[in-house]
Protein backbone atom coordinates (compact mmCIF):
# COMPACT_ATOMS: atom_id res chain seq x y z
CA MET A 1 -3.88 5.32 -1.91
CA ARG A 2 -5.96 2.96 -4.00
CA LEU A 3 -8.25 0.48 -2.26
CA ALA A 4 -6.07 -2.49 -3.21
CA ALA A 5 -3.03 -0.75 -1.73
CA GLN A 6 -4.95 0.12 1.45
CA ILE A 7 -5.88 -3.54 1.91
CA LYS A 8 -2.17 -4.41 1.73
CA GLY A 9 -1.29 -1.52 4.05
CA GLY A 10 0.80 0.10 1.31
CA PHE A 11 3.12 -2.92 1.37
CA TYR A 12 5.00 -3.44 -1.91
CA PRO A 13 8.36 -5.12 -1.23
CA ALA A 14 11.27 -4.39 -3.53
CA PRO A 15 12.52 -7.25 -5.71
CA THR A 16 15.80 -8.94 -4.80
CA SER A 17 17.34 -7.56 -7.99
CA ALA A 18 16.75 -3.97 -6.81
CA ILE A 19 18.29 -4.71 -3.41
CA GLN A 20 21.25 -6.28 -5.18
CA MET A 21 21.75 -3.03 -7.13
CA ALA A 22 22.39 -1.32 -3.80
CA LEU A 23 24.68 -4.09 -2.57
CA ASP A 24 26.73 -3.93 -5.79
CA ARG A 25 27.65 -0.33 -4.91
CA ILE A 26 28.38 -0.83 -1.20
CA ASP A 27 31.84 -2.02 -0.12
CA GLN A 28 32.16 -4.76 2.46
CA PRO A 29 32.43 -2.99 5.84
CA ASP A 30 35.46 -3.50 8.07
CA GLY A 31 33.76 -2.96 11.44
CA ASN A 32 30.30 -3.45 12.88
CA VAL A 33 27.47 -1.68 11.06
CA ALA A 34 23.81 -1.12 11.95
CA ILE A 35 21.17 -1.53 9.23
CA LEU A 36 17.62 -0.17 9.56
CA ASP A 37 14.48 -0.88 7.54
CA PRO A 38 11.69 1.33 8.97
CA CYS A 39 9.05 -0.39 6.81
CA CYS A 40 10.47 -3.89 6.94
CA GLY A 41 7.38 -5.92 5.98
CA LYS A 42 8.39 -9.57 6.08
CA ALA A 43 12.08 -8.58 6.44
CA ALA A 44 13.10 -9.94 3.03
CA ALA A 45 15.10 -6.81 2.13
CA LEU A 46 16.57 -6.53 5.61
CA LYS A 47 17.69 -10.15 5.54
CA GLN A 48 19.32 -9.79 2.11
CA LEU A 49 21.23 -6.71 3.26
CA HIS A 50 22.19 -8.26 6.58
CA ASP A 51 23.36 -11.52 4.99
CA ALA A 52 25.61 -9.60 2.60
CA LEU A 53 26.95 -6.89 4.93
CA GLY A 54 26.79 -8.44 8.39
CA GLY A 55 26.42 -6.19 11.41
CA THR A 56 23.13 -5.78 13.29
CA ALA A 57 19.65 -5.54 11.77
CA TRP A 58 16.84 -3.31 13.03
CA GLY A 59 13.30 -2.91 11.74
CA VAL A 60 9.81 -1.54 12.28
CA GLU A 61 6.58 -3.11 11.03
CA LEU A 62 2.99 -1.93 11.43
CA ASP A 63 1.10 -5.05 10.34
CA GLU A 64 0.85 -7.76 13.00
CA GLY A 65 0.90 -10.66 10.54
CA ARG A 66 3.97 -9.42 8.65
CA LEU A 67 5.65 -8.63 11.96
CA ALA A 68 5.44 -12.30 13.01
CA GLU A 69 6.91 -13.40 9.64
CA SER A 70 9.72 -10.86 9.86
CA ARG A 71 10.74 -12.12 13.30
CA GLN A 72 10.84 -15.66 11.97
CA THR A 73 12.90 -14.54 8.98
CA LEU A 74 15.42 -12.65 11.14
CA PRO A 75 15.17 -14.00 14.71
CA ASP A 76 18.34 -12.17 15.81
CA ALA A 77 17.16 -8.79 14.51
CA SER A 78 15.58 -6.16 16.72
CA ILE A 79 12.19 -5.55 15.09
CA ILE A 80 9.60 -3.33 16.77
CA GLY A 81 5.91 -3.78 16.14
CA PRO A 82 3.16 -3.53 15.51
CA ALA A 83 4.18 0.11 15.39
CA SER A 84 4.32 3.11 13.10
CA PHE A 85 7.84 4.35 12.39
CA LEU A 86 6.50 7.91 12.27
CA SER A 87 4.67 7.97 15.61
CA ASN A 88 5.27 4.90 17.80
CA VAL A 89 9.07 4.48 17.83
CA ALA A 90 11.72 6.22 19.95
CA CYS A 91 15.29 5.92 18.70
CA THR A 92 18.66 7.53 19.34
CA TRP A 93 19.55 9.96 16.56
CA ARG A 94 22.52 9.30 14.28
CA SER A 95 22.66 5.59 15.07
CA PHE A 96 22.56 3.70 11.76
CA SER A 97 25.15 3.07 9.08
CA LEU A 98 22.62 2.17 6.36
CA ILE A 99 18.88 2.78 6.04
CA TRP A 100 16.84 0.90 3.46
CA LEU A 101 13.83 3.18 3.05
CA ASN A 102 10.89 1.78 1.06
CA PRO A 103 7.92 3.79 2.42
CA PRO A 104 4.26 3.77 1.27
CA PHE A 105 3.76 5.59 -2.04
CA ASP A 106 0.97 8.01 -1.16
CA ASP A 107 -0.07 11.54 -0.17
CA GLU A 108 -0.17 12.30 3.52
CA LEU A 109 -3.56 11.90 5.20
CA GLY A 110 -5.41 15.19 4.83
CA GLY A 111 -3.21 16.36 1.96
CA GLY A 112 0.04 18.27 2.14
CA ARG A 113 3.38 16.50 1.72
CA ARG A 114 4.02 13.07 0.31
CA GLU A 115 4.43 10.13 2.68
CA GLU A 116 7.81 9.45 1.08
CA LEU A 117 9.09 12.87 2.18
CA THR A 118 7.79 12.44 5.74
CA PHE A 119 9.55 9.08 6.09
CA LEU A 120 12.71 10.54 4.52
CA ARG A 121 12.85 13.39 7.06
CA LYS A 122 12.66 11.08 10.05
CA ALA A 123 15.03 8.48 8.59
CA THR A 124 17.64 11.16 7.90
CA ASP A 125 17.79 12.04 11.61
CA LEU A 126 18.73 8.43 12.38
CA LEU A 127 21.69 8.15 9.96
CA VAL A 128 25.21 8.75 11.25
CA SER A 129 27.31 11.32 9.42
CA GLY A 130 28.51 9.63 6.26
CA GLY A 131 25.77 7.00 6.57
CA VAL A 132 24.20 5.64 3.40
CA LEU A 133 20.57 6.06 2.40
CA ALA A 134 18.94 3.59 0.00
CA PHE A 135 15.65 5.27 -0.91
CA VAL A 136 12.93 3.56 -2.99
CA LEU A 137 10.20 5.72 -4.52
CA PRO A 138 8.36 6.31 -7.84
CA GLU A 139 10.40 8.24 -10.38
CA ARG A 140 7.75 10.96 -10.75
CA VAL A 141 7.85 11.55 -6.98
CA ALA A 142 11.65 11.65 -7.00
CA ARG A 143 11.44 14.57 -9.43
CA GLN A 144 9.26 16.67 -7.12
CA LEU A 145 11.04 19.77 -5.82
CA PRO A 146 10.37 19.29 -2.06
CA ILE A 147 12.05 15.87 -2.14
CA GLN A 148 14.91 17.09 -4.34
CA HIS A 149 15.49 20.11 -2.08
CA PHE A 150 15.65 17.95 1.02
CA LEU A 151 17.95 15.35 -0.54
CA MET A 152 20.34 17.90 -1.99
CA GLY A 153 20.46 19.82 1.29
CA ASN A 154 21.25 16.78 3.44
CA TYR A 155 23.10 14.30 1.20
CA GLU A 156 25.87 14.02 -1.36
CA GLN A 157 27.18 11.46 -3.89
CA PHE A 158 23.86 10.54 -5.48
CA THR A 159 23.37 7.41 -7.55
CA LEU A 160 20.06 6.87 -9.36
CA CYS A 161 19.17 3.26 -10.23
CA PRO A 162 15.86 2.54 -12.00
CA PHE A 163 14.34 -0.82 -11.11
CA PRO A 164 14.56 -3.52 -13.78
CA GLU A 165 11.92 -2.88 -16.45
CA ASP A 166 9.98 -6.07 -15.72
CA GLU A 167 9.94 -5.33 -11.97
CA ARG A 168 8.87 -1.68 -11.69
CA PRO A 169 5.04 -1.54 -11.67
CA PHE A 170 5.10 2.00 -10.21
CA ASP A 171 8.19 3.22 -12.13
CA GLU A 172 10.29 2.79 -8.99
CA VAL A 173 13.83 4.04 -8.72
CA LEU A 174 16.49 3.49 -6.08
CA ILE A 175 18.41 6.57 -4.89
CA LEU A 176 21.68 5.94 -3.07
CA ALA A 177 23.27 8.86 -1.21
CA ARG A 178 25.65 9.65 1.63
CA ARG A 179 24.53 11.86 4.50
CA LEU A 180 26.34 15.16 5.01
CA LYS A 181 27.72 16.13 8.41
CA LYS A 182 25.37 19.11 8.48
CA PRO A 183 22.68 20.44 6.10
CA ILE A 184 23.62 22.98 3.41
CA ASN A 185 21.61 25.54 1.46
CA HIS A 186 23.70 25.81 -1.73
CA TRP A 187 22.66 22.44 -3.10
CA GLU A 188 22.19 23.80 -6.61
CA SER A 189 25.97 23.88 -7.05
CA GLN A 190 26.38 20.16 -6.39
CA GLU A 191 26.77 17.55 -9.03
CA ARG A 192 23.48 15.72 -8.64
CA PHE A 193 23.95 12.16 -9.87
CA GLY A 194 26.87 9.90 -10.67
CA ASP A 195 27.85 6.28 -10.19
CA TYR A 196 29.46 6.11 -6.77
CA ARG A 197 30.68 3.43 -4.44
CA TYR A 198 29.83 3.64 -0.77
CA THR A 199 31.62 2.65 2.41
CA LEU A 200 29.46 2.21 5.46
CA PRO A 201 30.61 3.99 8.64
CA ALA A 202 30.82 1.84 11.77
CA SER A 203 27.96 1.90 14.27
CA ASP A 204 26.74 -0.31 17.10
CA GLY A 205 23.14 0.83 16.65
CA PRO A 206 20.92 2.98 18.85
CA LYS A 207 21.13 3.05 22.63
CA ARG A 208 17.42 3.74 22.82
CA TRP A 209 15.17 1.62 20.62
CA GLU A 210 11.64 1.09 21.87
CA LYS A 211 7.97 1.26 21.06
CA THR A 212 6.37 4.30 22.69
CA GLY A 213 2.68 4.03 21.89
CA LEU A 214 -0.21 1.83 20.85
CA THR A 215 -1.53 1.36 17.35
CA GLU A 216 -5.22 2.04 16.75
CA ALA A 217 -6.03 -1.69 16.88
CA GLU A 218 -4.07 -2.12 20.14
CA LEU A 219 -5.74 0.95 21.62
CA ALA A 220 -9.21 -0.45 20.82
CA THR A 221 -8.28 -3.78 22.45
CA ALA A 222 -6.86 -2.04 25.53
CA LEU A 223 -9.95 0.12 25.92
CA ALA A 224 -12.24 -2.90 25.62
CA ALA A 225 -10.31 -4.70 28.38
CA SER A 226 -9.95 -1.67 30.63
CA PRO A 227 -11.51 -1.93 34.12
CA LEU A 228 -12.75 1.63 33.59
CA GLN A 229 -15.35 0.22 31.20
CA ARG A 230 -17.61 -0.37 34.19
CA TYR A 231 -18.09 3.39 34.48
CA LEU A 232 -19.58 3.43 30.97
CA ALA A 233 -21.98 0.54 31.59
CA GLU A 234 -25.65 1.32 32.12
CA PRO A 235 -26.40 1.10 35.85
CA ALA A 236 -28.67 -1.71 36.98
CA SER A 237 -32.22 -0.65 37.67
CA ARG A 238 -33.03 -0.51 41.35
CA ARG A 239 -36.23 -2.16 42.42
CA LEU A 240 -38.39 -0.15 44.78
CA ALA A 241 -38.59 -1.61 48.24
CA SER A 242 -41.97 -2.75 49.50
CA PRO A 243 -43.39 -0.39 52.16
CA PRO A 244 -44.14 -1.81 55.61
CA LEU A 245 -47.77 -0.63 55.42
CA SER A 246 -50.30 -0.33 52.62
CA LEU A 247 -50.04 2.91 50.68
CA GLY A 248 -52.64 5.57 51.12
CA LYS A 249 -54.07 7.68 48.32
CA GLY A 250 -51.54 10.41 49.00
CA HIS A 251 -48.66 7.98 48.75
CA ILE A 252 -49.93 6.63 45.45
CA ALA A 253 -50.39 10.18 44.14
CA LEU A 254 -46.77 10.98 45.03
CA LEU A 255 -45.55 7.83 43.29
CA LEU A 256 -47.49 8.77 40.18
CA ALA A 257 -46.33 12.38 40.30
CA SER A 258 -42.64 11.39 40.71
CA GLY A 259 -42.75 8.92 37.82
CA HIS A 260 -42.05 5.82 39.89
CA LEU A 261 -45.47 4.36 39.14
CA ASP A 262 -45.56 4.70 35.37
CA GLY A 263 -45.74 1.77 33.01
CA VAL A 264 -46.78 -1.84 33.44
CA VAL A 265 -48.11 -2.63 36.90
CA ARG A 266 -48.48 -6.25 37.99
CA PRO A 267 -50.31 -6.44 41.34
CA GLU A 268 -50.01 -9.78 43.04
CA GLY A 269 -53.01 -11.95 42.22
CA GLU A 270 -54.45 -9.42 39.74
CA PRO A 271 -54.15 -9.03 35.97
CA PRO A 272 -51.51 -6.52 34.82
CA HIS A 273 -52.41 -3.06 33.62
CA VAL A 274 -50.59 -0.06 32.21
CA VAL A 275 -50.60 3.19 34.15
CA ARG A 276 -49.59 6.60 32.86
CA GLY A 277 -49.59 9.54 35.22
CA THR A 278 -49.17 13.15 34.18
CA VAL A 279 -48.95 16.30 36.26
CA ARG A 280 -49.94 19.77 35.13
CA LYS A 281 -50.55 23.16 36.64
CA GLU A 282 -54.05 24.57 36.36
CA GLN A 283 -54.95 28.18 36.99
CA TYR A 284 -58.07 29.03 38.97
CA VAL A 285 -59.73 32.08 40.57
CA ASP A 286 -58.66 32.17 44.20
CA ARG A 287 -60.74 35.15 45.30
CA VAL A 288 -62.27 38.42 44.14
CA GLU A 289 -61.79 41.55 46.24
CA GLU A 290 -63.80 44.81 45.94
CA SER A 291 -62.66 48.10 47.35
CA GLU A 292 -63.60 51.75 47.02
CA SER A 293 -61.28 54.31 45.59
CA ALA A 294 -59.75 57.00 47.79
CA ASP A 295 -62.43 59.56 46.81
CA GLY A 296 -65.21 57.06 47.52
CA GLN A 297 -66.73 57.48 44.07
CA ARG A 298 -65.36 54.43 42.28
CA LEU A 299 -65.52 50.73 43.06
CA ARG A 300 -62.36 48.72 42.32
CA THR A 301 -62.56 44.97 41.71
CA THR A 302 -59.38 42.79 42.05
CA THR A 303 -59.36 39.18 40.86
CA ILE A 304 -56.60 37.00 42.33
CA TYR A 305 -55.56 33.88 40.46
CA SER A 306 -53.64 30.92 41.83
CA GLU A 307 -52.34 27.66 40.44
CA LYS A 308 -52.93 24.14 41.59
CA ILE A 309 -51.35 20.84 40.70
CA VAL A 310 -53.70 18.53 38.82
CA LEU A 311 -52.72 14.87 38.63
CA SER A 312 -54.21 12.93 35.73
CA VAL A 313 -53.94 9.16 35.68
CA ARG A 314 -54.85 6.96 32.73
CA ALA A 315 -54.95 3.20 33.00
CA VAL A 316 -55.70 0.44 30.54
CA GLY A 317 -56.22 -3.16 31.53
CA THR A 318 -56.37 -6.43 29.68
CA ASP A 319 -59.90 -5.56 28.57
CA GLY A 320 -58.56 -2.68 26.48
CA VAL A 321 -60.69 -0.03 28.18
CA VAL A 322 -58.88 3.21 28.94
CA ARG A 323 -59.87 4.78 32.24
CA THR A 324 -58.96 8.34 33.24
CA PHE A 325 -58.80 9.52 36.84
CA GLU A 326 -58.31 13.09 38.02
């Protein structure tokens, strides 16, 4: 997706004239119908369809700003958001009479299928048998075999309507089709496109319709406000308690060796100084032993080495003189 499209979140609403092309081919329903727009944006298309056909309106919107506008546009509609139709929505299958599907025009993240095909697959599961699909996509994408195979295997009675010439910046077309009761494999034998009229089957909408997860922005906000954040905070430094008696040389040596007395030291009433203590092992000759061999003719000398801990302390005061103590 181009940068400009990413900034808009892939949001390119269809013109009213294109929506009217669908309405011109749909008969006025007799009973209640359920209409879904899984990428409803500001709900302009959903409102136009709902005003003309009646019934109940349902939508999903990912962008928080457009979600607020869509709820103002259609206050009686059931619009979920901010949520992704593909990953954050749970819905009863075969629940909608009509789906207006105008998905982002793009390749899937990481390559593979087109976004249009991914949205089409999920939307198809939500249409009742005989339900009508109104699918908006670029003409070049509509000609791709994976999309044609899926449409021909799951739908019938296809009508292809190009957008008006002055309102199709991406060569958009509208495909109207009726969902089959069950998928078929012999789609090649079907008559692909005609000019059909469509009657919407009755539906009261889904019994289950809810948001099931957080968007990335909501997840970041929830993590920032989580009480578990305290476990990630750097623990406060603990100040060493003052001993009841003055420290001896051995105590000071242990403090230096353990790293607790390392850095800026500010004795009360004295100028500060910087102390750096290091500890190393130093090898030395412990003892030398001489012994005769078993035959008494040779003298054997054994040198035994040991190691000792050597503490080296360097200090520099305000005078800049470095002093080393070992």
